[in-house]
Amino acid sequence: MGEKPSLAWSLLLRPLALLWIPVIVLAVLAACQDGRAARRYQESASPSSATITPVPSHGKGEMAVNRIAYVGSDGNIFTIKPDGTDSRRLTRTDFRVGPAGHILAQGPVPIGAEGSETLVFYAWPTWSPDSTRLAASRVTVEGASATFSLHVLDASTGKATRIYDNEPNTIPIAQGAPHFMYWSPDSKHLTFLASTPRELALLISTPEQGSGPTRLVGEAPLYFSWAGDSSALAVHRGPELLLVPFTGGVPQPPQSLGDVGMGFRAPALSRDASKMVYATEDGGGASLYLADVRLTESGRAQPGRAILDVGPSSVFMWSPTRDEVAVADTVDAVGPIYQQVTIVGDDGASKRVVVNEPLLAFFWSPDGEKIAYVAFDTERRSFTWKYVNRAEGRLVELAEFVPSAEFLTMISFFDQYAYPNSVWSPDSSQIVFSGTIGRNAFRRNGGSPEGDKVYVLDVREGSAPREIATSRFAVWSWK
């Protein structure tokens, strides 16, 4: 995709078009998943089916606040309280589980053949920032054929609106991910990536208007981020950096800010859309640059200035509350195991390393005071949740775990997925994740209780994960 607007199968099957997963991580996950596929989706959709409340009638409901969304073993979307109570089903499907587990893992059944049937299930629920709606992919499998559509659900009533239908003969943008969805911070627009027969396309929809989606840019690889005030989109397409300004809530034609190379994925816009952070190579290596993205009278962007030396591969995200950026980088040009996390001010003068060990991902807390991160021990081949307090700088180990396949995708591309999907509770005290707990998970067979679960973990020393549901993917509401 990065070269021409044609979509090869092998290219589209890489998450967001660039699957930078080293062999060692794949080997660990293969060991973790061994023996679990045949029974992965045999568990109940929540800890106790008696606690499930069916989707209410389609009327005006209460706004969902401080709830976790997940996909149950029956293919439906649920929301649940962080303590594991009040699980509510928002969708209805005729999904049924075969002996080989999840339908996407089973061999194709020819249409019309004995045993063929239409199956429907959902994937990747994504909260709107106001926590009133969820966007989700809907997968319909009929015999050997699968079709994909994008829906928006009312988080209280489950009332659904179809936003987009993929063209025939298209495939997911990643394994298990038909689309990548990302709401604007004001919750008015839904931007998403979808494959077409010609390209990977970035589209935008305004669900309340009921109009069809509009294509913004295409080709690949594509990574993007919203400004905090919803006034612009920054897009990294191949080596090129683009800015899509919004006037009166309407996207304007993309404006090129120049070629910056491929040493990073998602660009980062400041909260007020006045500044952008990106990485590029200069004469002495690679550097993190900060640029004023407000265009001059001539229509050209202001030149950026280097604020931090980085390795050939880097990822970065603005603090939610301060004018500073957290940066992870590595000397390995293809990642994704990073060596450290540095916090740097937008002036480039203040900088300090807060994490100095191999890691796969990091996530700012909503209050900007803590960074939770997934450390990866290359010798023990283990994943561990840890966190660092921004002010104190002390590292605290929380829990060792094995990520589910979907959560591995999320942490492998966290600089893109962390924008629309929150692992943090709104009050910055807890995180949510999917997978299995502890080193023994490496050698467990599938089936309850060892299959992928949803865990809530207090971000404090001495805490232990609490299982609240069965699922391979879960995210917290923003409010």
Protein backbone atom coordinates (compact mmCIF):
# COMPACT_ATOMS: atom_id res chain seq x y z
CA MET A 1 0.00 0.00 0.00
CA GLY A 2 2.80 2.39 0.72
CA GLU A 3 3.95 2.31 -2.91
CA LYS A 4 0.83 2.21 -5.13
CA PRO A 5 -2.95 2.43 -4.55
CA SER A 6 -3.39 -1.32 -5.01
CA LEU A 7 -4.07 -3.62 -2.10
CA ALA A 8 -2.16 -6.86 -1.88
CA TRP A 9 -3.55 -9.37 0.58
CA SER A 10 -0.32 -9.61 2.47
CA LEU A 11 -0.19 -5.84 2.84
CA LEU A 12 -3.72 -5.45 4.17
CA LEU A 13 -3.34 -8.19 6.71
CA ARG A 14 -0.75 -6.13 8.54
CA PRO A 15 -2.37 -3.96 11.24
CA LEU A 16 -2.70 -0.43 9.89
CA ALA A 17 -0.52 -1.59 6.98
CA LEU A 18 2.79 -1.96 8.85
CA LEU A 19 3.07 -4.99 11.12
CA TRP A 20 6.32 -4.38 12.99
CA ILE A 21 6.18 -7.42 15.30
CA PRO A 22 9.52 -9.13 15.90
CA VAL A 23 9.86 -12.89 15.74
CA ILE A 24 10.42 -13.13 19.50
CA VAL A 25 7.05 -11.56 20.31
CA LEU A 26 5.26 -13.76 17.80
CA ALA A 27 6.90 -16.82 19.30
CA VAL A 28 5.78 -15.85 22.78
CA LEU A 29 2.21 -15.30 21.66
CA ALA A 30 2.19 -18.56 19.74
CA ALA A 31 3.20 -20.36 22.91
CA CYS A 32 0.58 -18.47 24.91
CA GLN A 33 -2.18 -19.30 22.44
CA ASP A 34 -1.19 -22.93 21.94
CA GLY A 35 -4.07 -25.27 22.65
CA ARG A 36 -6.51 -22.45 23.31
CA ALA A 37 -7.99 -21.90 19.85
CA ALA A 38 -10.38 -24.84 19.93
CA ARG A 39 -12.11 -23.60 23.06
CA ARG A 40 -11.33 -19.87 23.11
CA TYR A 41 -14.92 -18.73 22.72
CA GLN A 42 -16.62 -21.47 24.73
CA GLU A 43 -16.74 -19.41 27.93
CA SER A 44 -19.73 -17.43 29.06
CA ALA A 45 -20.04 -13.82 27.95
CA SER A 46 -19.67 -12.54 31.51
CA PRO A 47 -18.73 -13.97 34.92
CA SER A 48 -22.35 -14.76 35.65
CA SER A 49 -25.07 -14.93 33.03
CA ALA A 50 -27.55 -14.03 35.73
CA THR A 51 -26.08 -10.53 35.90
CA ILE A 52 -26.67 -9.79 32.19
CA THR A 53 -29.36 -7.23 31.43
CA PRO A 54 -30.79 -7.54 27.89
CA VAL A 55 -30.57 -4.49 25.68
CA PRO A 56 -33.36 -2.10 26.68
CA SER A 57 -36.10 -1.06 24.29
CA HIS A 58 -35.02 1.59 21.83
CA GLY A 59 -35.89 4.76 23.66
CA LYS A 60 -34.01 7.49 25.41
CA GLY A 61 -31.78 5.90 28.05
CA GLU A 62 -29.31 7.07 30.62
CA MET A 63 -25.86 8.08 29.47
CA ALA A 64 -23.30 5.35 30.06
CA VAL A 65 -20.68 6.67 32.47
CA ASN A 66 -17.62 4.82 33.80
CA ARG A 67 -18.39 1.59 31.98
CA ILE A 68 -16.26 -0.92 30.08
CA ALA A 69 -17.27 -2.15 26.62
CA TYR A 70 -16.34 -5.64 25.44
CA VAL A 71 -17.28 -8.26 22.86
CA GLY A 72 -18.81 -11.34 24.49
CA SER A 73 -18.25 -14.92 23.45
CA ASP A 74 -21.53 -14.84 21.53
CA GLY A 75 -20.26 -12.03 19.29
CA ASN A 76 -22.39 -9.33 20.91
CA ILE A 77 -21.25 -6.04 22.41
CA PHE A 78 -21.72 -5.60 26.16
CA THR A 79 -21.00 -2.85 28.63
CA ILE A 80 -20.26 -3.58 32.27
CA LYS A 81 -19.42 -1.73 35.47
CA PRO A 82 -15.76 -1.84 36.57
CA ASP A 83 -16.67 -4.08 39.51
CA GLY A 84 -18.03 -6.74 37.14
CA THR A 85 -21.73 -6.11 37.82
CA ASP A 86 -24.57 -4.90 35.60
CA SER A 87 -23.42 -6.42 32.29
CA ARG A 88 -25.71 -5.12 29.55
CA ARG A 89 -25.99 -6.52 26.04
CA LEU A 90 -26.27 -3.80 23.39
CA THR A 91 -26.56 -5.96 20.27
CA ARG A 92 -28.27 -9.14 19.13
CA THR A 93 -26.66 -11.60 16.75
CA ASP A 94 -27.19 -15.19 15.67
CA PHE A 95 -23.51 -15.92 16.25
CA ARG A 96 -22.81 -19.56 17.11
CA VAL A 97 -19.51 -21.12 18.06
CA GLY A 98 -18.25 -24.15 16.18
CA PRO A 99 -15.78 -26.77 17.39
CA ALA A 100 -12.85 -24.75 16.06
CA GLY A 101 -13.63 -21.68 18.14
CA HIS A 102 -13.99 -18.21 16.65
CA ILE A 103 -15.55 -18.23 13.18
CA LEU A 104 -12.61 -16.38 11.58
CA ALA A 105 -10.33 -19.20 12.69
CA GLN A 106 -12.45 -21.93 11.11
CA GLY A 107 -12.12 -23.34 7.65
CA PRO A 108 -14.51 -21.92 5.04
CA VAL A 109 -17.80 -23.69 4.38
CA PRO A 110 -19.01 -23.39 0.77
CA ILE A 111 -22.28 -21.49 0.41
CA GLY A 112 -25.11 -23.92 0.00
CA ALA A 113 -23.11 -26.80 1.40
CA GLU A 114 -24.42 -28.81 4.32
CA GLY A 115 -23.68 -26.95 7.53
CA SER A 116 -23.33 -23.55 5.87
CA GLU A 117 -25.14 -20.70 7.63
CA THR A 118 -25.12 -16.96 8.06
CA LEU A 119 -23.26 -15.79 11.13
CA VAL A 120 -23.07 -12.28 12.51
CA PHE A 121 -20.75 -10.83 15.17
CA TYR A 122 -19.15 -7.53 16.19
CA ALA A 123 -15.57 -6.35 16.72
CA TRP A 124 -13.60 -3.44 18.21
CA PRO A 125 -16.23 -1.35 20.03
CA THR A 126 -14.93 2.24 20.25
CA TRP A 127 -16.40 4.80 22.66
CA SER A 128 -17.21 8.35 21.61
CA PRO A 129 -15.45 10.88 23.90
CA ASP A 130 -18.79 11.94 25.42
CA SER A 131 -19.44 8.25 26.23
CA THR A 132 -22.91 8.28 24.68
CA ARG A 133 -22.16 6.10 21.63
CA LEU A 134 -20.02 3.21 20.45
CA ALA A 135 -18.74 2.60 16.95
CA ALA A 136 -18.17 -1.04 16.05
CA SER A 137 -17.44 -3.28 13.08
CA ARG A 138 -20.11 -5.82 12.16
CA VAL A 139 -19.03 -9.01 10.40
CA THR A 140 -21.46 -11.18 8.43
CA VAL A 141 -20.18 -14.59 7.38
CA GLU A 142 -22.13 -16.64 4.87
CA GLY A 143 -20.42 -19.85 3.89
CA ALA A 144 -16.98 -18.90 2.60
CA SER A 145 -17.81 -15.21 2.20
CA ALA A 146 -17.46 -12.44 4.81
CA THR A 147 -18.78 -8.89 4.51
CA PHE A 148 -18.06 -5.94 6.79
CA SER A 149 -20.02 -2.90 7.85
CA LEU A 150 -19.55 -0.12 10.36
CA HIS A 151 -22.26 0.76 12.91
CA VAL A 152 -22.81 3.34 15.62
CA LEU A 153 -24.70 2.21 18.73
CA ASP A 154 -26.42 4.23 21.41
CA ALA A 155 -24.53 3.23 24.56
CA SER A 156 -27.69 3.22 26.65
CA THR A 157 -30.35 1.75 24.37
CA GLY A 158 -28.33 -0.21 21.82
CA LYS A 159 -30.13 1.49 18.93
CA ALA A 160 -27.87 1.05 15.90
CA THR A 161 -27.20 3.13 12.81
CA ARG A 162 -25.37 1.68 9.82
CA ILE A 163 -22.62 4.09 8.79
CA TYR A 164 -20.70 2.27 6.08
CA ASP A 165 -20.71 -0.92 4.03
CA ASN A 166 -17.42 -2.22 2.73
CA GLU A 167 -17.28 -2.88 -0.96
CA PRO A 168 -17.48 -6.54 -1.99
CA ASN A 169 -14.29 -8.59 -1.95
CA THR A 170 -12.47 -6.43 0.56
CA ILE A 171 -10.68 -7.74 3.62
CA PRO A 172 -9.94 -6.40 7.13
CA ILE A 173 -7.23 -3.80 7.63
CA ALA A 174 -5.75 -6.13 10.24
CA GLN A 175 -6.32 -9.63 11.56
CA GLY A 176 -9.62 -9.47 13.44
CA ALA A 177 -10.06 -5.73 12.73
CA PRO A 178 -12.29 -4.87 9.76
CA HIS A 179 -11.89 -1.12 10.45
CA PHE A 180 -9.92 1.31 12.58
CA MET A 181 -12.33 3.81 14.19
CA TYR A 182 -11.46 7.15 15.80
CA TRP A 183 -14.01 9.74 17.02
CA SER A 184 -13.25 13.45 16.93
CA PRO A 185 -12.74 14.85 20.46
CA ASP A 186 -16.06 16.73 20.25
CA SER A 187 -17.82 13.42 19.37
CA LYS A 188 -19.37 14.93 16.21
CA HIS A 189 -17.31 13.12 13.58
CA LEU A 190 -16.27 9.50 13.20
CA THR A 191 -13.12 8.95 11.17
CA PHE A 192 -12.15 5.44 10.16
CA LEU A 193 -9.86 3.37 7.97
CA ALA A 194 -11.38 0.82 5.60
CA SER A 195 -9.98 -1.25 2.78
CA THR A 196 -11.35 -0.89 -0.73
CA PRO A 197 -10.44 -2.82 -3.89
CA ARG A 198 -8.13 0.07 -4.78
CA GLU A 199 -6.59 1.39 -1.56
CA LEU A 200 -6.68 1.82 2.17
CA ALA A 201 -8.97 4.81 2.66
CA LEU A 202 -9.42 7.33 5.47
CA LEU A 203 -13.07 8.32 5.61
CA ILE A 204 -15.15 10.65 7.77
CA SER A 205 -18.81 10.50 8.78
CA THR A 206 -21.07 12.75 10.83
CA PRO A 207 -23.53 10.22 12.30
CA GLU A 208 -26.08 12.78 13.53
CA GLN A 209 -26.50 14.16 10.01
CA GLY A 210 -27.23 10.76 8.54
CA SER A 211 -25.16 11.43 5.42
CA GLY A 212 -22.77 8.95 3.91
CA PRO A 213 -19.04 9.01 4.70
CA THR A 214 -16.60 11.16 2.74
CA ARG A 215 -13.15 10.05 1.66
CA LEU A 216 -10.37 12.28 2.97
CA VAL A 217 -7.19 10.58 1.75
CA GLY A 218 -6.10 7.20 0.49
CA GLU A 219 -3.14 4.95 -0.29
CA ALA A 220 -1.01 3.69 2.59
CA PRO A 221 0.43 3.33 5.11
CA LEU A 222 -1.92 5.74 6.90
CA TYR A 223 -1.73 7.00 10.47
CA PHE A 224 -3.53 10.03 11.83
CA SER A 225 -4.55 11.98 14.91
CA TRP A 226 -7.11 14.64 15.81
CA ALA A 227 -6.31 17.99 17.37
CA GLY A 228 -7.73 18.27 20.87
CA ASP A 229 -10.20 20.95 19.78
CA SER A 230 -11.39 18.94 16.71
CA SER A 231 -10.17 21.69 14.36
CA ALA A 232 -7.73 19.59 12.34
CA LEU A 233 -6.42 16.15 11.46
CA ALA A 234 -2.75 15.31 11.08
CA VAL A 235 -2.11 12.46 8.64
CA HIS A 236 1.10 10.51 8.01
CA ARG A 237 0.72 8.90 4.58
CA GLY A 238 3.79 7.01 3.49
CA PRO A 239 6.66 9.50 3.94
CA GLU A 240 4.35 12.53 3.60
CA LEU A 241 2.83 14.63 6.37
CA LEU A 242 -0.60 16.13 5.71
CA LEU A 243 -2.87 18.55 7.55
CA VAL A 244 -6.65 18.43 7.12
CA PRO A 245 -8.10 21.65 8.59
CA PHE A 246 -11.78 21.94 9.53
CA THR A 247 -13.81 25.09 8.92
CA GLY A 248 -17.22 25.22 10.55
CA GLY A 249 -16.93 21.50 11.23
CA VAL A 250 -16.35 20.74 7.54
CA PRO A 251 -13.04 19.17 6.40
CA GLN A 252 -11.03 21.19 3.91
CA PRO A 253 -8.70 19.75 1.24
CA PRO A 254 -5.57 18.11 2.70
CA GLN A 255 -2.48 20.33 2.72
CA SER A 256 0.97 18.80 2.39
CA LEU A 257 3.51 19.74 5.04
CA GLY A 258 6.33 17.93 3.24
CA ASP A 259 8.08 14.55 3.36
CA VAL A 260 9.25 13.40 6.79
CA GLY A 261 10.16 9.75 6.17
CA MET A 262 8.98 6.52 7.81
CA GLY A 263 10.73 6.60 11.19
CA PHE A 264 7.45 7.02 13.09
CA ARG A 265 3.76 6.16 12.70
CA ALA A 266 1.14 8.54 14.10
CA PRO A 267 1.85 12.29 14.20
CA ALA A 268 0.75 14.15 17.32
CA LEU A 269 -1.23 17.41 17.31
CA SER A 270 -1.37 19.59 20.41
CA ARG A 271 -4.67 20.20 22.16
CA ASP A 272 -5.21 23.56 20.45
CA ALA A 273 -3.98 22.32 17.04
CA SER A 274 -1.24 24.96 16.97
CA LYS A 275 1.70 22.54 17.18
CA MET A 276 2.55 19.14 15.74
CA VAL A 277 5.20 16.63 16.75
CA TYR A 278 6.77 14.28 14.24
CA ALA A 279 10.12 12.55 13.70
CA THR A 280 12.45 12.69 10.76
CA GLU A 281 16.06 12.08 9.88
CA ASP A 282 18.48 14.96 9.74
CA GLY A 283 22.20 15.19 9.05
CA GLY A 284 23.24 13.57 12.33
CA GLY A 285 20.54 10.92 12.67
CA ALA A 286 16.87 11.10 13.67
CA SER A 287 15.23 13.83 15.73
CA LEU A 288 11.85 14.65 17.17
CA TYR A 289 10.57 17.86 15.62
CA LEU A 290 7.95 20.35 16.77
CA ALA A 291 6.32 22.55 14.16
CA ASP A 292 3.85 25.40 14.21
CA VAL A 293 1.16 24.03 11.90
CA ARG A 294 -0.67 27.30 11.41
CA LEU A 295 -0.12 28.15 7.76
CA THR A 296 1.52 31.37 6.62
CA GLU A 297 -0.18 33.80 4.24
CA SER A 298 1.52 31.99 1.38
CA GLY A 299 -0.17 28.76 2.43
CA ARG A 300 3.06 27.12 3.51
CA ALA A 301 3.73 25.57 6.89
CA GLN A 302 6.27 26.93 9.30
CA PRO A 303 9.52 24.90 9.45
CA GLY A 304 9.86 22.60 12.46
CA ARG A 305 12.63 22.65 15.05
CA ALA A 306 14.35 19.68 16.65
CA ILE A 307 13.55 19.19 20.35
CA LEU A 308 15.00 15.71 21.03
CA ASP A 309 17.42 13.25 19.45
CA VAL A 310 15.73 9.88 18.93
CA GLY A 311 16.53 6.48 17.48
CA PRO A 312 15.53 5.43 13.95
CA SER A 313 12.12 4.22 15.25
CA SER A 314 10.11 6.31 17.70
CA VAL A 315 6.56 6.79 19.00
CA PHE A 316 5.21 9.75 20.94
CA MET A 317 2.08 11.24 22.48
CA TRP A 318 1.25 14.63 23.98
CA SER A 319 0.37 14.79 27.66
CA PRO A 320 -3.40 15.19 28.11
CA THR A 321 -2.88 18.13 30.46
CA ARG A 322 0.54 19.71 29.81
CA ASP A 323 2.64 21.06 26.96
CA GLU A 324 4.98 18.09 27.02
CA VAL A 325 5.43 14.91 25.03
CA ALA A 326 6.27 11.34 26.09
CA VAL A 327 8.60 9.67 23.58
CA ALA A 328 9.67 6.03 23.28
CA ASP A 329 12.43 5.13 20.87
CA THR A 330 14.80 2.34 19.94
CA VAL A 331 17.99 1.78 17.99
CA ASP A 332 16.20 -0.97 16.03
CA ALA A 333 14.72 0.60 12.92
CA VAL A 334 11.84 -1.89 12.76
CA GLY A 335 10.85 -2.00 16.47
CA PRO A 336 8.52 -2.48 18.19
CA ILE A 337 10.45 -3.15 21.42
CA TYR A 338 11.44 0.30 22.63
CA GLN A 339 14.31 0.97 25.01
CA GLN A 340 13.19 3.99 27.02
CA VAL A 341 10.53 6.67 27.55
CA THR A 342 11.54 10.32 27.74
CA ILE A 343 9.32 13.26 28.69
CA VAL A 344 10.28 16.44 26.84
CA GLY A 345 8.74 19.91 27.07
CA ASP A 346 7.56 21.65 23.93
CA ASP A 347 10.40 24.12 24.39
CA GLY A 348 12.92 21.29 24.01
CA ALA A 349 14.79 22.45 27.09
CA SER A 350 13.28 20.23 29.79
CA LYS A 351 13.76 16.50 29.19
CA ARG A 352 14.15 13.47 31.43
CA VAL A 353 14.11 9.71 30.99
CA VAL A 354 11.32 8.17 33.11
CA VAL A 355 11.48 4.55 31.85
CA ASN A 356 14.76 2.83 30.99
CA GLU A 357 13.93 -0.78 30.10
CA PRO A 358 12.48 -2.65 27.11
CA LEU A 359 8.76 -1.94 26.60
CA LEU A 360 6.05 -2.43 24.01
CA ALA A 361 3.61 0.36 24.81
CA PHE A 362 2.80 3.22 27.15
CA PHE A 363 -0.42 5.09 28.00
CA TRP A 364 -0.83 8.51 29.64
CA SER A 365 -3.41 8.65 32.44
CA PRO A 366 -6.25 11.13 31.74
CA ASP A 367 -4.95 13.48 34.45
CA GLY A 368 -1.46 13.45 32.93
CA GLU A 369 0.16 12.37 36.21
CA LYS A 370 1.03 8.73 35.44
CA ILE A 371 2.20 6.59 32.56
CA ALA A 372 1.21 2.93 32.50
CA TYR A 373 3.40 0.80 30.27
CA VAL A 374 3.85 -2.80 29.11
CA ALA A 375 7.40 -3.94 29.85
CA PHE A 376 8.78 -6.86 27.85
CA ASP A 377 11.50 -9.08 29.31
CA THR A 378 13.38 -10.43 26.30
CA GLU A 379 15.06 -13.21 28.31
CA ARG A 380 11.99 -14.47 30.16
CA ARG A 381 9.73 -13.52 27.25
CA SER A 382 7.19 -12.01 29.59
CA PHE A 383 4.80 -9.05 29.52
CA THR A 384 4.38 -6.98 32.67
CA TRP A 385 2.19 -3.99 33.47
CA LYS A 386 4.13 -1.26 35.25
CA TYR A 387 3.62 2.43 35.86
CA VAL A 388 5.64 5.51 36.63
CA ASN A 389 4.42 8.63 38.39
CA ARG A 390 5.40 11.64 36.32
CA ALA A 391 6.48 13.73 39.30
CA GLU A 392 8.24 11.06 41.37
CA GLY A 393 9.81 8.97 38.60
CA ARG A 394 9.57 5.75 40.63
CA LEU A 395 8.73 2.58 38.64
CA VAL A 396 6.09 0.28 40.16
CA GLU A 397 5.45 -3.27 38.93
CA LEU A 398 1.76 -4.25 38.80
CA ALA A 399 1.07 -7.61 37.11
CA GLU A 400 2.54 -10.12 34.68
CA PHE A 401 0.18 -11.17 31.91
CA VAL A 402 -0.20 -12.52 28.38
CA PRO A 403 -2.17 -10.22 26.05
CA SER A 404 -5.03 -11.49 23.93
CA ALA A 405 -4.57 -11.30 20.16
CA GLU A 406 -6.63 -8.12 19.90
CA PHE A 407 -4.90 -6.47 22.84
CA LEU A 408 -1.53 -7.37 21.32
CA THR A 409 -2.57 -5.48 18.19
CA MET A 410 -3.53 -2.52 20.35
CA ILE A 411 -0.25 -2.38 22.27
CA SER A 412 1.82 -3.03 19.14
CA PHE A 413 0.31 0.13 17.59
CA PHE A 414 -0.52 1.98 20.78
CA ASP A 415 0.49 5.39 19.42
CA GLN A 416 -2.50 5.07 17.05
CA TYR A 417 -4.93 2.95 19.09
CA ALA A 418 -4.51 4.87 22.36
CA TYR A 419 -6.20 7.93 20.86
CA PRO A 420 -9.63 6.30 20.31
CA ASN A 421 -9.39 3.46 22.88
CA SER A 422 -8.76 4.11 26.57
CA VAL A 423 -7.21 1.51 28.86
CA TRP A 424 -7.53 4.01 31.74
CA SER A 425 -10.54 4.67 33.95
CA PRO A 426 -11.83 8.25 33.70
CA ASP A 427 -10.49 9.05 37.19
CA SER A 428 -6.96 7.78 36.36
CA SER A 429 -6.99 5.14 39.12
CA GLN A 430 -7.39 1.87 37.16
CA ILE A 431 -6.64 0.22 33.83
CA VAL A 432 -8.47 -2.47 31.84
CA PHE A 433 -6.95 -5.12 29.56
CA SER A 434 -7.68 -8.51 27.99
CA GLY A 435 -5.60 -11.65 28.17
CA THR A 436 -4.49 -14.13 30.80
CA ILE A 437 -2.61 -13.57 34.03
CA GLY A 438 0.79 -14.82 35.13
CA ARG A 439 3.64 -16.91 33.74
CA ASN A 440 1.60 -20.13 33.95
CA ALA A 441 -0.64 -18.74 31.21
CA PHE A 442 2.15 -19.61 28.75
CA ARG A 443 1.39 -23.30 29.13
CA ARG A 444 -2.33 -23.39 29.80
CA ASN A 445 -4.85 -25.01 27.52
CA GLY A 446 -7.91 -23.00 26.52
CA GLY A 447 -11.30 -23.03 28.11
CA SER A 448 -12.65 -21.45 31.22
CA PRO A 449 -11.14 -20.26 33.43
CA GLU A 450 -7.87 -20.01 31.49
CA GLY A 451 -9.15 -18.33 28.31
CA ASP A 452 -8.80 -14.63 27.57
CA LYS A 453 -10.51 -12.54 30.24
CA VAL A 454 -11.16 -8.88 30.92
CA TYR A 455 -9.23 -7.62 33.95
CA VAL A 456 -9.43 -4.40 35.92
CA LEU A 457 -6.25 -3.41 37.75
CA ASP A 458 -5.78 -0.67 40.33
CA VAL A 459 -2.73 1.42 39.41
CA ARG A 460 -1.07 1.28 42.82
CA GLU A 461 1.61 -0.83 44.39
CA GLY A 462 0.46 -4.24 45.64
CA SER A 463 -2.74 -4.40 43.61
CA ALA A 464 -3.94 -7.56 41.83
CA PRO A 465 -6.01 -7.87 38.62
CA ARG A 466 -9.74 -8.55 39.04
CA GLU A 467 -11.52 -10.64 36.41
CA ILE A 468 -14.83 -9.10 35.30
CA ALA A 469 -15.73 -10.78 31.98
CA THR A 470 -14.64 -13.14 29.21
CA SER A 471 -13.42 -11.38 26.08
CA ARG A 472 -10.38 -10.74 23.90
CA PHE A 473 -10.98 -6.97 23.72
CA ALA A 474 -12.25 -4.38 26.22
CA VAL A 475 -12.00 -0.60 26.52
CA TRP A 476 -13.04 1.96 29.13
CA SER A 477 -15.48 4.78 28.51
CA TRP A 478 -13.93 8.25 28.45
CA LYS A 479 -16.36 9.60 31.06
